[in-house]
């Protein structure tokens, strides 16, 4: 089953994740949100698995620069629309294999996922 790594190429956490995978000889397909975008359907499927709150990167500068009105009273639908419009608001990286995903880079969790 093909392993997919989703994120933004220039992100420091993404670089750590790629070094982790490359160092273990793991073959994966990289999907750069900035270049390829992300669909609401994909984000909706991920949100169904891990919750939209887990996917939304509230600590990033892109989210923090939003107007207060845009950050207030978020729903899944509004959060997904924001992430589609501004992919840097998606927590990185997302590692996917089949229907399973991991959000964020935690080496111990990734090692278990890949075992």
PDB file of N, CA and C in Angstrom:
ATOM      1  N   UNK A   1       0.848  -1.169   0.000  1.00  0.00           N
ATOM      2  CA  UNK A   1       0.000   0.000   0.000  1.00  0.00           C
ATOM      3  C   UNK A   1       0.901   1.242   0.000  1.00  0.00           C
ATOM      4  N   UNK A   2       0.579   2.190  -0.845  1.00  0.00           N
ATOM      5  CA  UNK A   2       1.398   3.387  -1.000  1.00  0.00           C
ATOM      6  C   UNK A   2       1.262   4.304   0.209  1.00  0.00           C
ATOM      7  N   UNK A   3       2.388   4.822   0.636  1.00  0.00           N
ATOM      8  CA  UNK A   3       2.448   5.777   1.737  1.00  0.00           C
ATOM      9  C   UNK A   3       2.491   7.176   1.140  1.00  0.00           C
ATOM     10  N   UNK A   4       1.666   8.077   1.668  1.00  0.00           N
ATOM     11  CA  UNK A   4       1.614   9.450   1.185  1.00  0.00           C
ATOM     12  C   UNK A   4       1.981  10.396   2.320  1.00  0.00           C
ATOM     13  N   UNK A   5       2.826  11.352   2.010  1.00  0.00           N
ATOM     14  CA  UNK A   5       3.229  12.385   2.956  1.00  0.00           C
ATOM     15  C   UNK A   5       2.701  13.711   2.424  1.00  0.00           C
ATOM     16  N   UNK A   6       1.882  14.382   3.226  1.00  0.00           N
ATOM     17  CA  UNK A   6       1.263  15.638   2.837  1.00  0.00           C
ATOM     18  C   UNK A   6       1.831  16.769   3.675  1.00  0.00           C
ATOM     19  N   UNK A   7       2.110  17.894   3.022  1.00  0.00           N
ATOM     20  CA  UNK A   7       2.608  19.044   3.750  1.00  0.00           C
ATOM     21  C   UNK A   7       3.090  20.129   2.811  1.00  0.00           C
ATOM     22  N   UNK A   8       4.003  20.930   3.325  1.00  0.00           N
ATOM     23  CA  UNK A   8       4.597  22.043   2.578  1.00  0.00           C
ATOM     24  C   UNK A   8       6.102  21.846   2.594  1.00  0.00           C
ATOM     25  N   UNK A   9       6.697  21.866   1.431  1.00  0.00           N
ATOM     26  CA  UNK A   9       8.107  21.515   1.292  1.00  0.00           C
ATOM     27  C   UNK A   9       9.037  22.305   2.208  1.00  0.00           C
ATOM     28  N   UNK A  10       8.814  23.592   2.353  1.00  0.00           N
ATOM     29  CA  UNK A  10       9.750  24.449   3.093  1.00  0.00           C
ATOM     30  C   UNK A  10       9.579  24.390   4.609  1.00  0.00           C
ATOM     31  N   UNK A  11       8.584  23.684   5.096  1.00  0.00           N
ATOM     32  CA  UNK A  11       8.304  23.613   6.530  1.00  0.00           C
ATOM     33  C   UNK A  11       9.396  22.821   7.261  1.00  0.00           C
ATOM     34  N   UNK A  12       9.875  23.350   8.378  1.00  0.00           N
ATOM     35  CA  UNK A  12      10.921  22.674   9.156  1.00  0.00           C
ATOM     36  C   UNK A  12      10.477  21.311   9.675  1.00  0.00           C
ATOM     37  N   UNK A  13       9.249  21.207  10.128  1.00  0.00           N
ATOM     38  CA  UNK A  13       8.752  19.922  10.616  1.00  0.00           C
ATOM     39  C   UNK A  13       8.667  18.920   9.473  1.00  0.00           C
ATOM     40  N   UNK A  14       8.310  19.391   8.300  1.00  0.00           N
ATOM     41  CA  UNK A  14       8.270  18.513   7.129  1.00  0.00           C
ATOM     42  C   UNK A  14       9.666  17.988   6.811  1.00  0.00           C
ATOM     43  N   UNK A  15      10.648  18.853   6.937  1.00  0.00           N
ATOM     44  CA  UNK A  15      12.024  18.415   6.675  1.00  0.00           C
ATOM     45  C   UNK A  15      12.427  17.307   7.635  1.00  0.00           C
ATOM     46  N   UNK A  16      12.069  17.433   8.915  1.00  0.00           N
ATOM     47  CA  UNK A  16      12.367  16.393   9.903  1.00  0.00           C
ATOM     48  C   UNK A  16      11.658  15.088   9.536  1.00  0.00           C
ATOM     49  N   UNK A  17      10.410  15.204   9.111  1.00  0.00           N
ATOM     50  CA  UNK A  17       9.643  14.013   8.735  1.00  0.00           C
ATOM     51  C   UNK A  17      10.259  13.315   7.530  1.00  0.00           C
ATOM     52  N   UNK A  18      10.693  14.086   6.549  1.00  0.00           N
ATOM     53  CA  UNK A  18      11.301  13.493   5.359  1.00  0.00           C
ATOM     54  C   UNK A  18      12.637  12.836   5.692  1.00  0.00           C
ATOM     55  N   UNK A  19      13.424  13.457   6.558  1.00  0.00           N
ATOM     56  CA  UNK A  19      14.688  12.847   6.997  1.00  0.00           C
ATOM     57  C   UNK A  19      14.391  11.533   7.718  1.00  0.00           C
ATOM     58  N   UNK A  20      13.371  11.524   8.561  1.00  0.00           N
ATOM     59  CA  UNK A  20      12.968  10.322   9.278  1.00  0.00           C
ATOM     60  C   UNK A  20      12.636   9.197   8.300  1.00  0.00           C
ATOM     61  N   UNK A  21      11.782   9.484   7.322  1.00  0.00           N
ATOM     62  CA  UNK A  21      11.379   8.466   6.348  1.00  0.00           C
ATOM     63  C   UNK A  21      12.543   8.042   5.467  1.00  0.00           C
ATOM     64  N   UNK A  22      13.279   9.014   4.944  1.00  0.00           N
ATOM     65  CA  UNK A  22      14.410   8.702   4.057  1.00  0.00           C
ATOM     66  C   UNK A  22      15.472   7.887   4.781  1.00  0.00           C
ATOM     67  N   UNK A  23      15.734   8.205   6.042  1.00  0.00           N
ATOM     68  CA  UNK A  23      16.733   7.494   6.820  1.00  0.00           C
ATOM     69  C   UNK A  23      16.375   6.042   7.068  1.00  0.00           C
ATOM     70  N   UNK A  24      15.119   5.708   6.955  1.00  0.00           N
ATOM     71  CA  UNK A  24      14.656   4.334   7.129  1.00  0.00           C
ATOM     72  C   UNK A  24      14.381   3.650   5.801  1.00  0.00           C
ATOM     73  N   UNK A  25      14.684   4.336   4.715  1.00  0.00           N
ATOM     74  CA  UNK A  25      14.470   3.761   3.391  1.00  0.00           C
ATOM     75  C   UNK A  25      13.003   3.589   3.035  1.00  0.00           C
ATOM     76  N   UNK A  26      12.140   4.382   3.638  1.00  0.00           N
ATOM     77  CA  UNK A  26      10.701   4.286   3.387  1.00  0.00           C
ATOM     78  C   UNK A  26      10.365   5.004   2.082  1.00  0.00           C
ATOM     79  N   UNK A  27       9.665   4.314   1.211  1.00  0.00           N
ATOM     80  CA  UNK A  27       9.227   4.891  -0.057  1.00  0.00           C
ATOM     81  C   UNK A  27       7.868   5.554   0.165  1.00  0.00           C
ATOM     82  N   UNK A  28       7.737   6.788  -0.302  1.00  0.00           N
ATOM     83  CA  UNK A  28       6.495   7.527  -0.122  1.00  0.00           C
ATOM     84  C   UNK A  28       6.295   8.492  -1.282  1.00  0.00           C
ATOM     85  N   UNK A  29       5.073   8.932  -1.434  1.00  0.00           N
ATOM     86  CA  UNK A  29       4.717   9.963  -2.407  1.00  0.00           C
ATOM     87  C   UNK A  29       4.509  11.246  -1.618  1.00  0.00           C
ATOM     88  N   UNK A  30       5.174  12.331  -2.029  1.00  0.00           N
ATOM     89  CA  UNK A  30       5.033  13.605  -1.343  1.00  0.00           C
ATOM     90  C   UNK A  30       4.027  14.484  -2.074  1.00  0.00           C
ATOM     91  N   UNK A  31       3.102  15.038  -1.324  1.00  0.00           N
ATOM     92  CA  UNK A  31       2.072  15.925  -1.863  1.00  0.00           C
ATOM     93  C   UNK A  31       2.251  17.288  -1.193  1.00  0.00           C
ATOM     94  N   UNK A  32       2.643  18.275  -1.972  1.00  0.00           N
ATOM     95  CA  UNK A  32       2.860  19.629  -1.465  1.00  0.00           C
ATOM     96  C   UNK A  32       1.577  20.438  -1.621  1.00  0.00           C
ATOM     97  N   UNK A  33       0.981  20.800  -0.495  1.00  0.00           N
ATOM     98  CA  UNK A  33      -0.261  21.574  -0.518  1.00  0.00           C
ATOM     99  C   UNK A  33      -0.128  22.876  -1.299  1.00  0.00           C
ATOM    100  N   UNK A  34       1.020  23.533  -1.186  1.00  0.00           N
ATOM    101  CA  UNK A  34       1.204  24.834  -1.849  1.00  0.00           C
ATOM    102  C   UNK A  34       1.155  24.688  -3.365  1.00  0.00           C
ATOM    103  N   UNK A  35       1.684  23.569  -3.871  1.00  0.00           N
ATOM    104  CA  UNK A  35       1.723  23.360  -5.315  1.00  0.00           C
ATOM    105  C   UNK A  35       0.492  22.631  -5.842  1.00  0.00           C
ATOM    106  N   UNK A  36       0.008  21.663  -5.086  1.00  0.00           N
ATOM    107  CA  UNK A  36      -1.054  20.788  -5.576  1.00  0.00           C
ATOM    108  C   UNK A  36      -2.413  21.040  -4.945  1.00  0.00           C
ATOM    109  N   UNK A  37      -2.443  21.848  -3.884  1.00  0.00           N
ATOM    110  CA  UNK A  37      -3.702  22.111  -3.200  1.00  0.00           C
ATOM    111  C   UNK A  37      -4.194  20.890  -2.436  1.00  0.00           C
ATOM    112  N   UNK A  38      -5.375  21.023  -1.892  1.00  0.00           N
ATOM    113  CA  UNK A  38      -6.020  19.931  -1.162  1.00  0.00           C
ATOM    114  C   UNK A  38      -7.517  20.127  -1.307  1.00  0.00           C
ATOM    115  N   UNK A  39      -8.233  19.042  -1.462  1.00  0.00           N
ATOM    116  CA  UNK A  39      -9.672  19.143  -1.699  1.00  0.00           C
ATOM    117  C   UNK A  39     -10.454  19.138  -0.386  1.00  0.00           C
ATOM    118  N   UNK A  40     -11.625  19.743  -0.411  1.00  0.00           N
ATOM    119  CA  UNK A  40     -12.490  19.680   0.774  1.00  0.00           C
ATOM    120  C   UNK A  40     -12.867  18.235   1.112  1.00  0.00           C
ATOM    121  N   UNK A  41     -12.993  17.402   0.076  1.00  0.00           N
ATOM    122  CA  UNK A  41     -13.358  16.005   0.299  1.00  0.00           C
ATOM    123  C   UNK A  41     -12.268  15.265   1.073  1.00  0.00           C
ATOM    124  N   UNK A  42     -11.022  15.499   0.707  1.00  0.00           N
ATOM    125  CA  UNK A  42      -9.911  14.850   1.418  1.00  0.00           C
ATOM    126  C   UNK A  42      -9.870  15.336   2.868  1.00  0.00           C
ATOM    127  N   UNK A  43      -9.966  16.652   3.054  1.00  0.00           N
ATOM    128  CA  UNK A  43      -9.951  17.187   4.416  1.00  0.00           C
ATOM    129  C   UNK A  43     -11.142  16.676   5.227  1.00  0.00           C
ATOM    130  N   UNK A  44     -12.281  16.561   4.588  1.00  0.00           N
ATOM    131  CA  UNK A  44     -13.463  16.030   5.269  1.00  0.00           C
ATOM    132  C   UNK A  44     -13.270  14.583   5.706  1.00  0.00           C
ATOM    133  N   UNK A  45     -12.640  13.789   4.845  1.00  0.00           N
ATOM    134  CA  UNK A  45     -12.369  12.386   5.198  1.00  0.00           C
ATOM    135  C   UNK A  45     -11.381  12.314   6.360  1.00  0.00           C
ATOM    136  N   UNK A  46     -10.357  13.152   6.315  1.00  0.00           N
ATOM    137  CA  UNK A  46      -9.394  13.184   7.431  1.00  0.00           C
ATOM    138  C   UNK A  46     -10.069  13.644   8.712  1.00  0.00           C
ATOM    139  N   UNK A  47     -10.900  14.672   8.599  1.00  0.00           N
ATOM    140  CA  UNK A  47     -11.597  15.197   9.778  1.00  0.00           C
ATOM    141  C   UNK A  47     -12.499  14.127  10.388  1.00  0.00           C
ATOM    142  N   UNK A  48     -13.090  13.283   9.551  1.00  0.00           N
ATOM    143  CA  UNK A  48     -13.936  12.204  10.056  1.00  0.00           C
ATOM    144  C   UNK A  48     -13.117  11.211  10.879  1.00  0.00           C
ATOM    145  N   UNK A  49     -11.846  11.078  10.568  1.00  0.00           N
ATOM    146  CA  UNK A  49     -10.970  10.146  11.287  1.00  0.00           C
ATOM    147  C   UNK A  49     -10.360  10.745  12.547  1.00  0.00           C
ATOM    148  N   UNK A  50      -9.881  12.003  12.452  1.00  0.00           N
ATOM    149  CA  UNK A  50      -9.122  12.574  13.574  1.00  0.00           C
ATOM    150  C   UNK A  50      -9.747  13.835  14.164  1.00  0.00           C
ATOM    151  N   UNK A  51     -10.791  14.339  13.531  1.00  0.00           N
ATOM    152  CA  UNK A  51     -11.423  15.579  13.983  1.00  0.00           C
ATOM    153  C   UNK A  51     -10.792  16.791  13.309  1.00  0.00           C
ATOM    154  N   UNK A  52     -11.635  17.739  12.914  1.00  0.00           N
ATOM    155  CA  UNK A  52     -11.125  18.919  12.210  1.00  0.00           C
ATOM    156  C   UNK A  52     -10.235  19.751  13.113  1.00  0.00           C
ATOM    157  N   UNK A  53     -10.488  19.709  14.421  1.00  0.00           N
ATOM    158  CA  UNK A  53      -9.681  20.489  15.359  1.00  0.00           C
ATOM    159  C   UNK A  53      -8.224  20.043  15.335  1.00  0.00           C
ATOM    160  N   UNK A  54      -8.008  18.754  15.139  1.00  0.00           N
ATOM    161  CA  UNK A  54      -6.638  18.202  15.078  1.00  0.00           C
ATOM    162  C   UNK A  54      -5.934  18.634  13.794  1.00  0.00           C
ATOM    163  N   UNK A  55      -6.688  18.795  12.729  1.00  0.00           N
ATOM    164  CA  UNK A  55      -6.111  19.176  11.437  1.00  0.00           C
ATOM    165  C   UNK A  55      -5.767  20.658  11.341  1.00  0.00           C
ATOM    166  N   UNK A  56      -6.507  21.480  12.039  1.00  0.00           N
ATOM    167  CA  UNK A  56      -6.334  22.929  11.926  1.00  0.00           C
ATOM    168  C   UNK A  56      -5.148  23.385  12.770  1.00  0.00           C
ATOM    169  N   UNK A  57      -4.184  24.022  12.124  1.00  0.00           N
ATOM    170  CA  UNK A  57      -2.987  24.523  12.799  1.00  0.00           C
ATOM    171  C   UNK A  57      -3.274  25.928  13.330  1.00  0.00           C
ATOM    172  N   UNK A  58      -3.768  25.981  14.549  1.00  0.00           N
ATOM    173  CA  UNK A  58      -4.115  27.263  15.159  1.00  0.00           C
ATOM    174  C   UNK A  58      -2.884  28.043  15.628  1.00  0.00           C
ATOM    175  N   UNK A  59      -1.757  27.374  15.770  1.00  0.00           N
ATOM    176  CA  UNK A  59      -0.561  28.059  16.280  1.00  0.00           C
ATOM    177  C   UNK A  59       0.267  28.715  15.178  1.00  0.00           C
ATOM    178  N   UNK A  60      -0.052  28.444  13.935  1.00  0.00           N
ATOM    179  CA  UNK A  60       0.706  29.018  12.829  1.00  0.00           C
ATOM    180  C   UNK A  60       0.378  30.475  12.578  1.00  0.00           C
ATOM    181  N   UNK A  61       1.286  31.160  11.931  1.00  0.00           N
ATOM    182  CA  UNK A  61       1.087  32.589  11.675  1.00  0.00           C
ATOM    183  C   UNK A  61      -0.086  32.859  10.742  1.00  0.00           C
ATOM    184  N   UNK A  62      -0.341  31.968   9.801  1.00  0.00           N
ATOM    185  CA  UNK A  62      -1.452  32.189   8.869  1.00  0.00           C
ATOM    186  C   UNK A  62      -2.772  32.257   9.618  1.00  0.00           C
ATOM    187  N   UNK A  63      -2.980  31.339  10.547  1.00  0.00           N
ATOM    188  CA  UNK A  63      -4.216  31.347  11.333  1.00  0.00           C
ATOM    189  C   UNK A  63      -4.257  32.559  12.254  1.00  0.00           C
ATOM    190  N   UNK A  64      -3.153  32.856  12.904  1.00  0.00           N
ATOM    191  CA  UNK A  64      -3.130  33.964  13.856  1.00  0.00           C
ATOM    192  C   UNK A  64      -3.348  35.311  13.173  1.00  0.00           C
ATOM    193  N   UNK A  65      -3.036  35.408  11.887  1.00  0.00           N
ATOM    194  CA  UNK A  65      -3.229  36.672  11.164  1.00  0.00           C
ATOM    195  C   UNK A  65      -4.670  36.869  10.679  1.00  0.00           C
ATOM    196  N   UNK A  66      -5.499  35.841  10.819  1.00  0.00           N
ATOM    197  CA  UNK A  66      -6.893  35.984  10.416  1.00  0.00           C
ATOM    198  C   UNK A  66      -7.590  37.005  11.299  1.00  0.00           C
ATOM    199  N   UNK A  67      -8.577  37.636  10.742  1.00  0.00           N
ATOM    200  CA  UNK A  67      -9.410  38.540  11.542  1.00  0.00           C
ATOM    201  C   UNK A  67     -10.090  37.738  12.644  1.00  0.00           C
ATOM    202  N   UNK A  68     -10.299  38.378  13.769  1.00  0.00           N
ATOM    203  CA  UNK A  68     -10.931  37.705  14.911  1.00  0.00           C
ATOM    204  C   UNK A  68     -12.263  37.071  14.514  1.00  0.00           C
ATOM    205  N   UNK A  69     -13.011  37.739  13.670  1.00  0.00           N
ATOM    206  CA  UNK A  69     -14.307  37.221  13.236  1.00  0.00           C
ATOM    207  C   UNK A  69     -14.157  35.899  12.484  1.00  0.00           C
ATOM    208  N   UNK A  70     -13.071  35.740  11.736  1.00  0.00           N
ATOM    209  CA  UNK A  70     -12.826  34.501  10.990  1.00  0.00           C
ATOM    210  C   UNK A  70     -12.367  33.369  11.904  1.00  0.00           C
ATOM    211  N   UNK A  71     -11.743  33.716  13.022  1.00  0.00           N
ATOM    212  CA  UNK A  71     -11.258  32.696  13.959  1.00  0.00           C
ATOM    213  C   UNK A  71     -12.319  32.278  14.968  1.00  0.00           C
ATOM    214  N   UNK A  72     -13.307  33.129  15.174  1.00  0.00           N
ATOM    215  CA  UNK A  72     -14.320  32.879  16.206  1.00  0.00           C
ATOM    216  C   UNK A  72     -15.376  31.889  15.713  1.00  0.00           C
ATOM    217  N   UNK A  73     -15.893  31.108  16.637  1.00  0.00           N
ATOM    218  CA  UNK A  73     -17.019  30.200  16.375  1.00  0.00           C
ATOM    219  C   UNK A  73     -16.810  29.320  15.143  1.00  0.00           C
ATOM    220  N   UNK A  74     -15.645  28.725  15.040  1.00  0.00           N
ATOM    221  CA  UNK A  74     -15.370  27.860  13.898  1.00  0.00           C
ATOM    222  C   UNK A  74     -16.205  26.588  13.953  1.00  0.00           C
ATOM    223  N   UNK A  75     -16.628  26.169  12.791  1.00  0.00           N
ATOM    224  CA  UNK A  75     -17.296  24.883  12.616  1.00  0.00           C
ATOM    225  C   UNK A  75     -16.414  24.052  11.694  1.00  0.00           C
ATOM    226  N   UNK A  76     -16.720  22.790  11.575  1.00  0.00           N
ATOM    227  CA  UNK A  76     -15.954  21.944  10.664  1.00  0.00           C
ATOM    228  C   UNK A  76     -16.007  22.492   9.239  1.00  0.00           C
ATOM    229  N   UNK A  77     -17.163  22.893   8.786  1.00  0.00           N
ATOM    230  CA  UNK A  77     -17.323  23.402   7.422  1.00  0.00           C
ATOM    231  C   UNK A  77     -16.470  24.646   7.200  1.00  0.00           C
ATOM    232  N   UNK A  78     -16.513  25.584   8.132  1.00  0.00           N
ATOM    233  CA  UNK A  78     -15.715  26.812   7.991  1.00  0.00           C
ATOM    234  C   UNK A  78     -14.226  26.517   8.091  1.00  0.00           C
ATOM    235  N   UNK A  79     -13.846  25.628   9.002  1.00  0.00           N
ATOM    236  CA  UNK A  79     -12.426  25.282   9.164  1.00  0.00           C
ATOM    237  C   UNK A  79     -11.891  24.626   7.898  1.00  0.00           C
ATOM    238  N   UNK A  80     -12.649  23.721   7.316  1.00  0.00           N
ATOM    239  CA  UNK A  80     -12.207  23.062   6.084  1.00  0.00           C
ATOM    240  C   UNK A  80     -12.083  24.083   4.955  1.00  0.00           C
ATOM    241  N   UNK A  81     -13.030  24.998   4.846  1.00  0.00           N
ATOM    242  CA  UNK A  81     -12.947  26.043   3.817  1.00  0.00           C
ATOM    243  C   UNK A  81     -11.689  26.890   4.010  1.00  0.00           C
ATOM    244  N   UNK A  82     -11.368  27.229   5.253  1.00  0.00           N
ATOM    245  CA  UNK A  82     -10.146  27.998   5.526  1.00  0.00           C
ATOM    246  C   UNK A  82      -8.902  27.208   5.129  1.00  0.00           C
ATOM    247  N   UNK A  83      -8.867  25.911   5.453  1.00  0.00           N
ATOM    248  CA  UNK A  83      -7.697  25.090   5.128  1.00  0.00           C
ATOM    249  C   UNK A  83      -7.527  24.882   3.627  1.00  0.00           C
ATOM    250  N   UNK A  84      -8.646  24.781   2.907  1.00  0.00           N
ATOM    251  CA  UNK A  84      -8.560  24.665   1.447  1.00  0.00           C
ATOM    252  C   UNK A  84      -8.010  25.960   0.863  1.00  0.00           C
ATOM    253  N   UNK A  85      -8.498  27.090   1.347  1.00  0.00           N
ATOM    254  CA  UNK A  85      -8.064  28.398   0.836  1.00  0.00           C
ATOM    255  C   UNK A  85      -6.630  28.718   1.243  1.00  0.00           C
ATOM    256  N   UNK A  86      -6.230  28.300   2.422  1.00  0.00           N
ATOM    257  CA  UNK A  86      -4.897  28.596   2.968  1.00  0.00           C
ATOM    258  C   UNK A  86      -4.292  27.284   3.492  1.00  0.00           C
ATOM    259  N   UNK A  87      -3.710  26.454   2.632  1.00  0.00           N
ATOM    260  CA  UNK A  87      -3.216  25.142   3.059  1.00  0.00           C
ATOM    261  C   UNK A  87      -2.182  25.190   4.183  1.00  0.00           C
ATOM    262  N   UNK A  88      -1.543  26.326   4.399  1.00  0.00           N
ATOM    263  CA  UNK A  88      -0.587  26.399   5.503  1.00  0.00           C
ATOM    264  C   UNK A  88      -1.299  26.334   6.852  1.00  0.00           C
ATOM    265  N   UNK A  89      -2.635  26.378   6.860  1.00  0.00           N
ATOM    266  CA  UNK A  89      -3.392  26.226   8.102  1.00  0.00           C
ATOM    267  C   UNK A  89      -3.612  24.766   8.467  1.00  0.00           C
ATOM    268  N   UNK A  90      -3.159  23.848   7.616  1.00  0.00           N
ATOM    269  CA  UNK A  90      -3.287  22.422   7.922  1.00  0.00           C
ATOM    270  C   UNK A  90      -2.070  22.008   8.736  1.00  0.00           C
ATOM    271  N   UNK A  91      -2.309  21.346   9.844  1.00  0.00           N
ATOM    272  CA  UNK A  91      -1.204  20.853  10.676  1.00  0.00           C
ATOM    273  C   UNK A  91      -0.362  19.904   9.833  1.00  0.00           C
ATOM    274  N   UNK A  92       0.941  20.035   9.998  1.00  0.00           N
ATOM    275  CA  UNK A  92       1.857  19.242   9.184  1.00  0.00           C
ATOM    276  C   UNK A  92       2.774  18.412  10.065  1.00  0.00           C
ATOM    277  N   UNK A  93       3.205  17.340   9.452  1.00  0.00           N
ATOM    278  CA  UNK A  93       2.758  16.672   8.234  1.00  0.00           C
ATOM    279  C   UNK A  93       1.549  15.780   8.496  1.00  0.00           C
ATOM    280  N   UNK A  94       0.962  15.328   7.402  1.00  0.00           N
ATOM    281  CA  UNK A  94      -0.042  14.275   7.459  1.00  0.00           C
ATOM    282  C   UNK A  94       0.564  13.086   6.722  1.00  0.00           C
ATOM    283  N   UNK A  95       0.592  11.949   7.399  1.00  0.00           N
ATOM    284  CA  UNK A  95       1.113  10.718   6.824  1.00  0.00           C
ATOM    285  C   UNK A  95      -0.069   9.785   6.633  1.00  0.00           C
ATOM    286  N   UNK A  96      -0.272   9.297   5.414  1.00  0.00           N
ATOM    287  CA  UNK A  96      -1.444   8.480   5.107  1.00  0.00           C
ATOM    288  C   UNK A  96      -1.047   7.182   4.423  1.00  0.00           C
ATOM    289  N   UNK A  97      -1.725   6.118   4.840  1.00  0.00           N
ATOM    290  CA  UNK A  97      -1.559   4.810   4.204  1.00  0.00           C
ATOM    291  C   UNK A  97      -2.931   4.164   4.217  1.00  0.00           C
ATOM    292  N   UNK A  98      -3.471   3.983   3.016  1.00  0.00           N
ATOM    293  CA  UNK A  98      -4.831   3.461   2.938  1.00  0.00           C
ATOM    294  C   UNK A  98      -5.773   4.421   3.632  1.00  0.00           C
ATOM    295  N   UNK A  99      -6.567   3.930   4.545  1.00  0.00           N
ATOM    296  CA  UNK A  99      -7.495   4.778   5.272  1.00  0.00           C
ATOM    297  C   UNK A  99      -6.960   5.297   6.589  1.00  0.00           C
ATOM    298  N   UNK A 100      -5.713   4.968   6.913  1.00  0.00           N
ATOM    299  CA  UNK A 100      -5.124   5.395   8.188  1.00  0.00           C
ATOM    300  C   UNK A 100      -4.277   6.643   7.994  1.00  0.00           C
ATOM    301  N   UNK A 101      -4.347   7.559   8.976  1.00  0.00           N
ATOM    302  CA  UNK A 101      -3.531   8.770   8.901  1.00  0.00           C
ATOM    303  C   UNK A 101      -2.938   9.108  10.264  1.00  0.00           C
ATOM    304  N   UNK A 102      -1.812   9.796  10.201  1.00  0.00           N
ATOM    305  CA  UNK A 102      -1.204  10.419  11.371  1.00  0.00           C
ATOM    306  C   UNK A 102      -1.088  11.903  11.074  1.00  0.00           C
ATOM    307  N   UNK A 103      -1.353  12.731  12.074  1.00  0.00           N
ATOM    308  CA  UNK A 103      -1.253  14.182  11.905  1.00  0.00           C
ATOM    309  C   UNK A 103      -0.198  14.687  12.871  1.00  0.00           C
ATOM    310  N   UNK A 104       0.779  15.409  12.345  1.00  0.00           N
ATOM    311  CA  UNK A 104       1.888  15.896  13.156  1.00  0.00           C
ATOM    312  C   UNK A 104       3.020  14.884  13.151  1.00  0.00           C
ATOM    313  N   UNK A 105       4.200  15.327  13.523  1.00  0.00           N
ATOM    314  CA  UNK A 105       5.378  14.455  13.503  1.00  0.00           C
ATOM    315  C   UNK A 105       5.816  14.120  14.921  1.00  0.00           C
ATOM    316  N   UNK A 106       5.590  12.862  15.274  1.00  0.00           N
ATOM    317  CA  UNK A 106       6.076  12.312  16.529  1.00  0.00           C
ATOM    318  C   UNK A 106       6.787  11.013  16.172  1.00  0.00           C
ATOM    319  N   UNK A 107       8.129  11.001  16.202  1.00  0.00           N
ATOM    320  CA  UNK A 107       8.897   9.852  15.709  1.00  0.00           C
ATOM    321  C   UNK A 107       8.455   8.503  16.274  1.00  0.00           C
ATOM    322  N   UNK A 108       8.143   8.427  17.554  1.00  0.00           N
ATOM    323  CA  UNK A 108       7.758   7.151  18.153  1.00  0.00           C
ATOM    324  C   UNK A 108       6.451   6.633  17.530  1.00  0.00           C
ATOM    325  N   UNK A 109       5.508   7.542  17.355  1.00  0.00           N
ATOM    326  CA  UNK A 109       4.227   7.169  16.756  1.00  0.00           C
ATOM    327  C   UNK A 109       4.416   6.751  15.295  1.00  0.00           C
ATOM    328  N   UNK A 110       5.268   7.474  14.586  1.00  0.00           N
ATOM    329  CA  UNK A 110       5.535   7.138  13.199  1.00  0.00           C
ATOM    330  C   UNK A 110       6.207   5.772  13.085  1.00  0.00           C
ATOM    331  N   UNK A 111       7.135   5.473  13.974  1.00  0.00           N
ATOM    332  CA  UNK A 111       7.826   4.181  13.938  1.00  0.00           C
ATOM    333  C   UNK A 111       6.810   3.049  14.126  1.00  0.00           C
ATOM    334  N   UNK A 112       5.859   3.208  15.038  1.00  0.00           N
ATOM    335  CA  UNK A 112       4.822   2.189  15.242  1.00  0.00           C
ATOM    336  C   UNK A 112       3.943   2.062  14.006  1.00  0.00           C
ATOM    337  N   UNK A 113       3.596   3.198  13.399  1.00  0.00           N
ATOM    338  CA  UNK A 113       2.736   3.213  12.219  1.00  0.00           C
ATOM    339  C   UNK A 113       3.402   2.483  11.054  1.00  0.00           C
ATOM    340  N   UNK A 114       4.697   2.630  10.937  1.00  0.00           N
ATOM    341  CA  UNK A 114       5.426   2.042   9.813  1.00  0.00           C
ATOM    342  C   UNK A 114       5.831   0.586  10.040  1.00  0.00           C
ATOM    343  N   UNK A 115       5.753   0.123  11.274  1.00  0.00           N
ATOM    344  CA  UNK A 115       6.190  -1.245  11.594  1.00  0.00           C
ATOM    345  C   UNK A 115       5.272  -2.286  10.973  1.00  0.00           C
TER     346      UNK A 115
END
